[in-house]
């Protein structure tokens, strides 16, 4: 018997595979957007920095692809609050 909590899968493996983690190099140091940048900062973040938002950083964990777009639509705009559970373990591990 273990006191370690069990991981619960809230979506199937095939759906989970459609969420692509951002890893390695080639992303903006401020927002996490994938791309090839001269100084590891995307054009949008350069603009924000010029407007005085240089203190602000955000870090994306996943690529914003069609599957993520559909997820965000269901979660944010349709109010499917159950979907928050899909990333809860990953968010906790990533930011703690």
C-alpha atoms as a PDB file:
ATOM      1  CA  UNK A   1       0.000   0.000   0.000  1.00  0.00           C
ATOM      2  CA  UNK A   2       1.272   3.470  -0.888  1.00  0.00           C
ATOM      3  CA  UNK A   3       0.306   6.902   0.357  1.00  0.00           C
ATOM      4  CA  UNK A   4       1.226   8.390  -3.012  1.00  0.00           C
ATOM      5  CA  UNK A   5      -1.828   9.673  -4.880  1.00  0.00           C
ATOM      6  CA  UNK A   6      -2.881   7.979  -8.100  1.00  0.00           C
ATOM      7  CA  UNK A   7      -2.785   9.869 -11.388  1.00  0.00           C
ATOM      8  CA  UNK A   8      -6.211  10.152 -12.941  1.00  0.00           C
ATOM      9  CA  UNK A   9      -6.525  10.346 -16.718  1.00  0.00           C
ATOM     10  CA  UNK A  10      -9.245  12.830 -17.657  1.00  0.00           C
ATOM     11  CA  UNK A  11      -8.899  12.345 -21.415  1.00  0.00           C
ATOM     12  CA  UNK A  12      -7.950   9.445 -23.642  1.00  0.00           C
ATOM     13  CA  UNK A  13      -4.399   8.815 -24.826  1.00  0.00           C
ATOM     14  CA  UNK A  14      -5.195   9.847 -28.432  1.00  0.00           C
ATOM     15  CA  UNK A  15      -6.504  13.248 -27.319  1.00  0.00           C
ATOM     16  CA  UNK A  16      -3.594  13.732 -24.927  1.00  0.00           C
ATOM     17  CA  UNK A  17      -1.180  13.168 -27.829  1.00  0.00           C
ATOM     18  CA  UNK A  18      -2.687  16.179 -29.644  1.00  0.00           C
ATOM     19  CA  UNK A  19      -1.432  18.520 -26.915  1.00  0.00           C
ATOM     20  CA  UNK A  20       2.197  19.223 -27.882  1.00  0.00           C
ATOM     21  CA  UNK A  21       4.551  20.233 -25.072  1.00  0.00           C
ATOM     22  CA  UNK A  22       6.979  23.054 -25.809  1.00  0.00           C
ATOM     23  CA  UNK A  23      10.437  21.820 -24.946  1.00  0.00           C
ATOM     24  CA  UNK A  24      14.034  22.374 -25.894  1.00  0.00           C
ATOM     25  CA  UNK A  25      15.200  25.538 -27.631  1.00  0.00           C
ATOM     26  CA  UNK A  26      13.591  27.766 -30.203  1.00  0.00           C
ATOM     27  CA  UNK A  27      10.996  29.564 -28.139  1.00  0.00           C
ATOM     28  CA  UNK A  28      10.586  33.127 -26.933  1.00  0.00           C
ATOM     29  CA  UNK A  29      12.059  33.698 -23.468  1.00  0.00           C
ATOM     30  CA  UNK A  30       9.099  35.916 -22.561  1.00  0.00           C
ATOM     31  CA  UNK A  31       5.969  34.201 -23.860  1.00  0.00           C
ATOM     32  CA  UNK A  32       7.098  30.715 -24.875  1.00  0.00           C
ATOM     33  CA  UNK A  33       5.990  31.062 -28.504  1.00  0.00           C
ATOM     34  CA  UNK A  34       7.814  28.694 -30.848  1.00  0.00           C
ATOM     35  CA  UNK A  35       9.899  30.168 -33.614  1.00  0.00           C
ATOM     36  CA  UNK A  36      13.314  31.284 -34.720  1.00  0.00           C
ATOM     37  CA  UNK A  37      14.270  34.566 -33.117  1.00  0.00           C
ATOM     38  CA  UNK A  38      17.536  36.525 -33.270  1.00  0.00           C
ATOM     39  CA  UNK A  39      17.676  37.176 -29.523  1.00  0.00           C
ATOM     40  CA  UNK A  40      15.186  34.546 -28.262  1.00  0.00           C
ATOM     41  CA  UNK A  41      12.398  37.131 -28.061  1.00  0.00           C
ATOM     42  CA  UNK A  42       9.478  37.185 -30.504  1.00  0.00           C
ATOM     43  CA  UNK A  43       8.340  40.371 -32.261  1.00  0.00           C
ATOM     44  CA  UNK A  44       5.246  40.721 -30.067  1.00  0.00           C
ATOM     45  CA  UNK A  45       7.325  40.644 -26.871  1.00  0.00           C
ATOM     46  CA  UNK A  46       9.801  43.133 -28.365  1.00  0.00           C
ATOM     47  CA  UNK A  47       6.840  45.497 -28.894  1.00  0.00           C
ATOM     48  CA  UNK A  48       5.573  44.934 -25.334  1.00  0.00           C
ATOM     49  CA  UNK A  49       9.066  45.568 -23.963  1.00  0.00           C
ATOM     50  CA  UNK A  50       9.246  48.842 -25.888  1.00  0.00           C
ATOM     51  CA  UNK A  51       5.940  49.886 -24.285  1.00  0.00           C
ATOM     52  CA  UNK A  52       7.359  49.324 -20.814  1.00  0.00           C
ATOM     53  CA  UNK A  53       6.135  45.797 -20.135  1.00  0.00           C
ATOM     54  CA  UNK A  54       9.642  44.336 -19.884  1.00  0.00           C
ATOM     55  CA  UNK A  55       8.927  43.004 -16.386  1.00  0.00           C
ATOM     56  CA  UNK A  56       6.174  40.765 -17.709  1.00  0.00           C
ATOM     57  CA  UNK A  57       6.981  37.175 -18.579  1.00  0.00           C
ATOM     58  CA  UNK A  58       4.675  34.351 -19.473  1.00  0.00           C
ATOM     59  CA  UNK A  59       5.622  30.777 -20.200  1.00  0.00           C
ATOM     60  CA  UNK A  60       3.523  28.564 -22.411  1.00  0.00           C
ATOM     61  CA  UNK A  61       3.695  24.853 -21.788  1.00  0.00           C
ATOM     62  CA  UNK A  62       1.895  23.726 -24.937  1.00  0.00           C
ATOM     63  CA  UNK A  63       1.873  24.681 -28.607  1.00  0.00           C
ATOM     64  CA  UNK A  64      -1.249  26.620 -29.586  1.00  0.00           C
ATOM     65  CA  UNK A  65      -2.359  24.298 -32.381  1.00  0.00           C
ATOM     66  CA  UNK A  66      -5.871  23.550 -33.696  1.00  0.00           C
ATOM     67  CA  UNK A  67      -6.506  21.023 -30.928  1.00  0.00           C
ATOM     68  CA  UNK A  68      -5.509  23.512 -28.209  1.00  0.00           C
ATOM     69  CA  UNK A  69      -7.627  26.179 -29.870  1.00  0.00           C
ATOM     70  CA  UNK A  70     -10.671  23.894 -29.673  1.00  0.00           C
ATOM     71  CA  UNK A  71      -9.875  23.082 -26.034  1.00  0.00           C
ATOM     72  CA  UNK A  72      -9.677  26.792 -25.155  1.00  0.00           C
ATOM     73  CA  UNK A  73     -12.968  27.453 -26.931  1.00  0.00           C
ATOM     74  CA  UNK A  74     -14.709  24.751 -24.919  1.00  0.00           C
ATOM     75  CA  UNK A  75     -13.081  25.771 -21.630  1.00  0.00           C
ATOM     76  CA  UNK A  76     -13.209  29.566 -21.823  1.00  0.00           C
ATOM     77  CA  UNK A  77     -16.170  30.353 -24.030  1.00  0.00           C
ATOM     78  CA  UNK A  78     -18.468  27.371 -23.503  1.00  0.00           C
ATOM     79  CA  UNK A  79     -17.701  27.172 -19.774  1.00  0.00           C
ATOM     80  CA  UNK A  80     -16.715  23.496 -19.676  1.00  0.00           C
ATOM     81  CA  UNK A  81     -15.014  23.809 -16.286  1.00  0.00           C
ATOM     82  CA  UNK A  82     -14.288  20.067 -16.096  1.00  0.00           C
ATOM     83  CA  UNK A  83     -11.541  20.587 -18.685  1.00  0.00           C
ATOM     84  CA  UNK A  84      -9.399  22.397 -16.074  1.00  0.00           C
ATOM     85  CA  UNK A  85      -8.468  18.986 -14.688  1.00  0.00           C
ATOM     86  CA  UNK A  86      -6.680  17.913 -17.859  1.00  0.00           C
ATOM     87  CA  UNK A  87      -3.575  19.989 -17.102  1.00  0.00           C
ATOM     88  CA  UNK A  88      -3.775  20.331 -13.328  1.00  0.00           C
ATOM     89  CA  UNK A  89      -0.977  17.840 -12.547  1.00  0.00           C
ATOM     90  CA  UNK A  90       1.300  19.196 -15.298  1.00  0.00           C
ATOM     91  CA  UNK A  91       0.775  22.822 -14.212  1.00  0.00           C
ATOM     92  CA  UNK A  92       1.487  22.000 -10.613  1.00  0.00           C
ATOM     93  CA  UNK A  93       4.685  20.095 -11.493  1.00  0.00           C
ATOM     94  CA  UNK A  94       5.856  22.719 -13.990  1.00  0.00           C
ATOM     95  CA  UNK A  95       5.432  25.753 -11.768  1.00  0.00           C
ATOM     96  CA  UNK A  96       6.365  24.300  -8.384  1.00  0.00           C
END
